[in-house]
């Protein structure tokens, strides 16, 4: 299905299954298909909702930098939930998707039944230099996506051994990554890179807002986010931490069996919504 947001942007949305709502929110440069492998299993027990962020995949790609911000993408999550009829839901955010998803309990905690923060942070990304993000964003804005790709290939920020293994051994995985890259907007990438570089530290506010079950998932090789995940878990009462072995920034691909087991065990422990 396709929904139109309050500011007129079309978002590509897929819904599967029945039961409590479960929104899976992808990261920067990702796509709803980042979760496709696991939707059939999850849809046996949940109404699973995946969608492409604006500027990604099959969703619209505004050319105005002002159309992209953490706050606007958080509003998109709520508008997607509204469009598919979910008043309350379990929410998983991956990487940038987690940085956006953490705004939901800050803005509308009554709508969240459980939160999963996956390879993400409660504030600025540990070890990431905002000035470098500024420089990369300027390349995106002024020189285009091809030049940006050359720069990112040199940086290899998230290219862990697990990611390189999947590229080499998983059939079609390299083409999948290339297709996702082809489907993103460089304007979006630049605007969101700056937004993420200078995002506020929400950890204390998030800790105060969380009154529901929370799981923190992270790949063992995803070094910056392992540190951030430990920090979140320590700060938030009751938060559970699962470190996925032999995985980097995308453990749903890199160690899928352990990842889906950790996720489904957690979701099954969440109290059923009241009628």
Protein backbone atom coordinates (compact mmCIF):
# COMPACT_ATOMS: atom_id res chain seq x y z
CA UNK A 1 0.00 0.00 0.00
CA UNK A 2 0.99 3.63 -0.26
CA UNK A 3 0.19 6.37 2.24
CA UNK A 4 0.53 10.13 1.94
CA UNK A 5 1.97 11.96 4.92
CA UNK A 6 0.72 15.24 6.29
CA UNK A 7 3.30 17.15 4.26
CA UNK A 8 2.35 15.36 1.04
CA UNK A 9 5.11 12.74 0.77
CA UNK A 10 4.16 9.26 -0.43
CA UNK A 11 5.53 6.32 1.55
CA UNK A 12 5.65 2.70 0.39
CA UNK A 13 4.23 0.48 3.14
CA UNK A 14 3.73 -3.29 3.47
CA UNK A 15 1.55 -5.01 6.07
CA UNK A 16 1.45 -8.74 6.86
CA UNK A 17 -0.17 -10.92 9.51
CA UNK A 18 -2.57 -10.37 12.36
CA UNK A 19 -2.14 -9.68 16.05
CA UNK A 20 -0.41 -6.94 18.06
CA UNK A 21 1.22 -4.31 15.90
CA UNK A 22 4.94 -4.53 15.16
CA UNK A 23 6.64 -1.72 13.23
CA UNK A 24 10.14 -2.41 11.88
CA UNK A 25 12.00 0.79 10.97
CA UNK A 26 15.11 0.65 8.77
CA UNK A 27 18.23 2.79 8.89
CA UNK A 28 19.98 5.37 6.70
CA UNK A 29 20.48 3.94 3.22
CA UNK A 30 18.34 0.92 4.03
CA UNK A 31 14.93 -0.19 2.86
CA UNK A 32 11.87 -2.04 4.10
CA UNK A 33 13.35 -5.15 2.51
CA UNK A 34 15.99 -5.16 5.26
CA UNK A 35 13.39 -7.13 7.25
CA UNK A 36 11.70 -9.13 4.49
CA UNK A 37 13.44 -12.42 5.34
CA UNK A 38 11.85 -12.37 8.80
CA UNK A 39 8.38 -11.02 8.05
CA UNK A 40 6.73 -14.43 7.44
CA UNK A 41 7.84 -15.76 10.83
CA UNK A 42 6.87 -12.58 12.67
CA UNK A 43 3.54 -12.31 10.85
CA UNK A 44 2.38 -15.57 12.42
CA UNK A 45 1.88 -13.66 15.67
CA UNK A 46 1.90 -9.95 14.83
CA UNK A 47 0.61 -7.37 12.41
CA UNK A 48 3.99 -6.58 10.89
CA UNK A 49 4.47 -3.20 9.23
CA UNK A 50 7.53 -2.28 7.18
CA UNK A 51 7.98 0.86 5.09
CA UNK A 52 10.55 2.85 3.16
CA UNK A 53 11.55 6.13 4.78
CA UNK A 54 11.12 9.20 2.60
CA UNK A 55 14.13 9.47 0.32
CA UNK A 56 14.54 5.68 0.26
CA UNK A 57 13.35 2.73 -1.78
CA UNK A 58 9.93 3.10 -3.38
CA UNK A 59 8.91 6.12 -1.27
CA UNK A 60 8.92 9.68 -2.57
CA UNK A 61 12.18 11.59 -2.60
CA UNK A 62 11.63 15.30 -1.91
CA UNK A 63 14.35 17.55 -3.29
CA UNK A 64 13.99 20.07 -0.45
CA UNK A 65 16.51 19.50 2.35
CA UNK A 66 13.91 20.78 4.78
CA UNK A 67 11.75 17.71 4.14
CA UNK A 68 14.23 15.55 6.08
CA UNK A 69 14.81 15.61 9.82
CA UNK A 70 14.69 13.23 12.78
CA UNK A 71 11.48 14.89 13.94
CA UNK A 72 9.83 14.60 10.50
CA UNK A 73 10.74 10.92 10.18
CA UNK A 74 9.33 10.28 13.65
CA UNK A 75 6.09 11.89 12.53
CA UNK A 76 6.14 9.55 9.53
CA UNK A 77 6.24 6.53 11.89
CA UNK A 78 3.14 7.76 13.70
CA UNK A 79 1.37 8.51 10.43
CA UNK A 80 2.16 5.05 9.09
CA UNK A 81 0.79 3.50 12.29
CA UNK A 82 -2.34 5.63 11.98
CA UNK A 83 -2.82 4.67 8.33
CA UNK A 84 -2.72 0.94 9.08
CA UNK A 85 -4.97 1.27 12.13
CA UNK A 86 -2.47 0.70 14.95
CA UNK A 87 -3.19 2.80 18.03
CA UNK A 88 -0.50 0.93 19.99
CA UNK A 89 2.42 -1.10 18.73
CA UNK A 90 5.78 -2.73 19.40
CA UNK A 91 8.51 -0.73 17.70
CA UNK A 92 11.94 -1.78 16.39
CA UNK A 93 14.36 0.83 15.07
CA UNK A 94 17.61 -0.10 13.31
CA UNK A 95 20.54 2.36 13.28
CA UNK A 96 19.11 5.71 12.11
CA UNK A 97 15.70 4.07 12.46
CA UNK A 98 16.40 3.64 16.17
CA UNK A 99 17.44 7.27 16.53
CA UNK A 100 14.11 8.20 14.95
CA UNK A 101 12.13 5.54 16.83
CA UNK A 102 13.34 6.76 20.22
CA UNK A 103 11.39 9.97 19.57
CA UNK A 104 8.11 8.04 19.74
CA UNK A 105 8.20 7.30 23.49
CA UNK A 106 9.33 10.89 24.05
CA UNK A 107 6.35 12.23 22.08
CA UNK A 108 3.66 9.56 22.45
CA UNK A 109 4.64 7.02 25.13
CA UNK A 110 1.05 5.80 25.41
CA UNK A 111 1.33 4.30 21.93
CA UNK A 112 4.39 2.12 22.61
CA UNK A 113 3.91 -1.41 23.96
CA UNK A 114 7.60 -2.32 23.68
CA UNK A 115 10.74 -0.86 22.13
CA UNK A 116 13.64 -2.62 20.42
CA UNK A 117 16.73 -0.51 19.77
CA UNK A 118 18.98 -2.29 17.26
CA UNK A 119 22.56 -1.20 16.48
CA UNK A 120 21.68 2.34 17.44
CA UNK A 121 22.16 4.89 20.21
CA UNK A 122 20.40 7.12 22.70
CA UNK A 123 22.29 10.18 21.49
CA UNK A 124 25.24 11.16 19.30
CA UNK A 125 27.07 8.23 17.73
CA UNK A 126 30.20 7.36 19.72
CA UNK A 127 33.39 8.11 17.83
CA UNK A 128 31.73 9.84 14.87
CA UNK A 129 33.20 13.28 14.09
CA UNK A 130 30.40 15.73 13.17
CA UNK A 131 32.76 17.75 10.98
CA UNK A 132 33.42 14.68 8.83
CA UNK A 133 29.69 14.14 8.49
CA UNK A 134 29.37 17.78 7.44
CA UNK A 135 32.02 17.25 4.76
CA UNK A 136 30.32 14.09 3.45
CA UNK A 137 26.97 15.87 3.36
CA UNK A 138 28.48 18.72 1.36
CA UNK A 139 29.77 16.20 -1.17
CA UNK A 140 26.26 14.76 -1.43
CA UNK A 141 24.69 18.18 -1.93
CA UNK A 142 27.21 19.60 -4.39
CA UNK A 143 28.82 16.67 -6.22
CA UNK A 144 26.11 14.03 -6.19
CA UNK A 145 25.73 10.40 -5.23
CA UNK A 146 28.58 8.99 -7.31
CA UNK A 147 31.13 11.21 -5.57
CA UNK A 148 29.55 10.44 -2.21
CA UNK A 149 29.83 6.71 -2.89
CA UNK A 150 33.54 7.06 -3.64
CA UNK A 151 34.03 8.86 -0.33
CA UNK A 152 32.05 6.32 1.69
CA UNK A 153 33.87 3.42 0.05
CA UNK A 154 37.13 4.90 1.29
CA UNK A 155 35.80 5.40 4.83
CA UNK A 156 34.37 1.85 5.20
CA UNK A 157 32.80 2.91 8.50
CA UNK A 158 30.48 -0.05 9.01
CA UNK A 159 32.21 -2.67 6.84
CA UNK A 160 32.79 -5.29 9.52
CA UNK A 161 34.12 -8.80 8.81
CA UNK A 162 30.54 -10.09 9.04
CA UNK A 163 29.34 -7.62 6.41
CA UNK A 164 32.22 -8.49 4.08
CA UNK A 165 31.47 -12.19 4.57
CA UNK A 166 27.84 -11.66 3.50
CA UNK A 167 28.97 -9.73 0.41
CA UNK A 168 31.29 -12.55 -0.57
CA UNK A 169 29.15 -15.57 0.30
CA UNK A 170 25.44 -14.68 0.28
CA UNK A 171 23.95 -14.94 -3.22
CA UNK A 172 22.48 -11.65 -4.37
CA UNK A 173 23.57 -9.69 -1.30
CA UNK A 174 25.92 -7.35 -3.12
CA UNK A 175 23.24 -6.62 -5.75
CA UNK A 176 20.75 -5.97 -2.94
CA UNK A 177 23.08 -3.40 -1.35
CA UNK A 178 23.68 -1.78 -4.74
CA UNK A 179 19.95 -1.60 -5.41
CA UNK A 180 19.29 0.10 -2.08
CA UNK A 181 22.00 2.64 -2.84
CA UNK A 182 20.53 3.30 -6.29
CA UNK A 183 17.14 3.97 -4.67
CA UNK A 184 18.19 6.63 -2.16
CA UNK A 185 18.23 10.40 -2.58
CA UNK A 186 21.55 12.16 -2.10
CA UNK A 187 19.63 15.16 -0.73
CA UNK A 188 18.10 12.90 1.92
CA UNK A 189 21.49 11.36 2.72
CA UNK A 190 23.13 14.73 3.22
CA UNK A 191 20.31 16.19 5.28
CA UNK A 192 20.02 13.16 7.54
CA UNK A 193 23.79 12.82 7.93
CA UNK A 194 23.89 16.34 9.34
CA UNK A 195 20.82 15.70 11.50
CA UNK A 196 22.40 12.56 12.97
CA UNK A 197 25.77 14.22 13.46
CA UNK A 198 24.24 16.95 15.62
CA UNK A 199 21.40 15.01 17.24
CA UNK A 200 20.72 15.71 20.92
CA UNK A 201 21.54 13.29 23.68
CA UNK A 202 18.11 11.87 24.52
CA UNK A 203 19.25 9.11 26.83
CA UNK A 204 18.12 10.67 30.12
CA UNK A 205 14.76 11.65 28.64
CA UNK A 206 14.34 8.18 27.13
CA UNK A 207 15.15 6.53 30.46
CA UNK A 208 12.47 8.66 32.11
CA UNK A 209 9.90 7.86 29.41
CA UNK A 210 10.35 4.09 29.19
CA UNK A 211 7.68 2.32 31.23
CA UNK A 212 7.37 -0.68 28.91
CA UNK A 213 9.62 -3.62 28.00
CA UNK A 214 12.76 -2.66 26.09
CA UNK A 215 15.35 -4.74 24.27
CA UNK A 216 18.72 -3.54 23.00
CA UNK A 217 20.16 -5.64 20.16
CA UNK A 218 23.61 -5.14 18.66
CA UNK A 219 26.11 -7.10 16.56
CA UNK A 220 29.30 -7.96 18.44
CA UNK A 221 31.49 -6.46 15.68
CA UNK A 222 29.57 -3.16 15.55
CA UNK A 223 32.04 -1.50 17.91
CA UNK A 224 30.66 2.07 18.17
CA UNK A 225 27.16 0.79 18.75
CA UNK A 226 28.19 -1.90 21.23
CA UNK A 227 29.40 0.94 23.46
CA UNK A 228 26.19 2.90 22.87
CA UNK A 229 24.08 -0.20 23.53
CA UNK A 230 25.78 -0.90 26.83
CA UNK A 231 25.24 2.74 27.81
CA UNK A 232 21.53 2.56 26.98
CA UNK A 233 21.06 -0.68 28.87
CA UNK A 234 22.81 0.67 31.95
CA UNK A 235 20.75 3.87 31.94
CA UNK A 236 17.27 2.41 31.38
CA UNK A 237 15.71 0.35 34.16
CA UNK A 238 14.68 -3.09 32.99
CA UNK A 239 16.26 -2.81 29.53
CA UNK A 240 17.66 -6.10 28.25
CA UNK A 241 20.84 -6.31 26.18
CA UNK A 242 21.57 -9.06 23.65
CA UNK A 243 24.87 -8.93 21.77
CA UNK A 244 24.62 -10.99 18.59
CA UNK A 245 27.86 -12.93 17.96
CA UNK A 246 29.55 -13.02 14.55
CA UNK A 247 27.52 -10.02 13.39
CA UNK A 248 28.14 -6.39 12.59
CA UNK A 249 25.74 -3.53 11.92
CA UNK A 250 22.99 -5.68 10.35
CA UNK A 251 22.66 -8.81 12.49
CA UNK A 252 19.32 -9.73 10.91
CA UNK A 253 21.40 -10.68 7.84
CA UNK A 254 24.72 -11.60 9.42
CA UNK A 255 23.49 -13.96 12.14
CA UNK A 256 19.78 -14.30 11.37
CA UNK A 257 19.03 -17.33 13.51
CA UNK A 258 20.33 -15.81 16.72
CA UNK A 259 18.78 -12.44 15.86
CA UNK A 260 15.25 -13.72 15.21
CA UNK A 261 15.41 -15.97 18.28
CA UNK A 262 16.35 -13.03 20.52
CA UNK A 263 13.67 -10.83 19.00
CA UNK A 264 10.84 -13.38 19.14
CA UNK A 265 11.66 -14.40 22.70
CA UNK A 266 11.49 -10.76 23.76
CA UNK A 267 8.27 -10.05 21.86
CA UNK A 268 6.62 -13.13 23.35
CA UNK A 269 7.41 -11.81 26.85
CA UNK A 270 5.60 -8.51 26.22
CA UNK A 271 2.18 -8.49 27.94
CA UNK A 272 -0.72 -8.78 25.52
CA UNK A 273 -2.51 -5.48 24.90
CA UNK A 274 -5.68 -4.96 26.87
CA UNK A 275 -8.92 -5.22 24.90
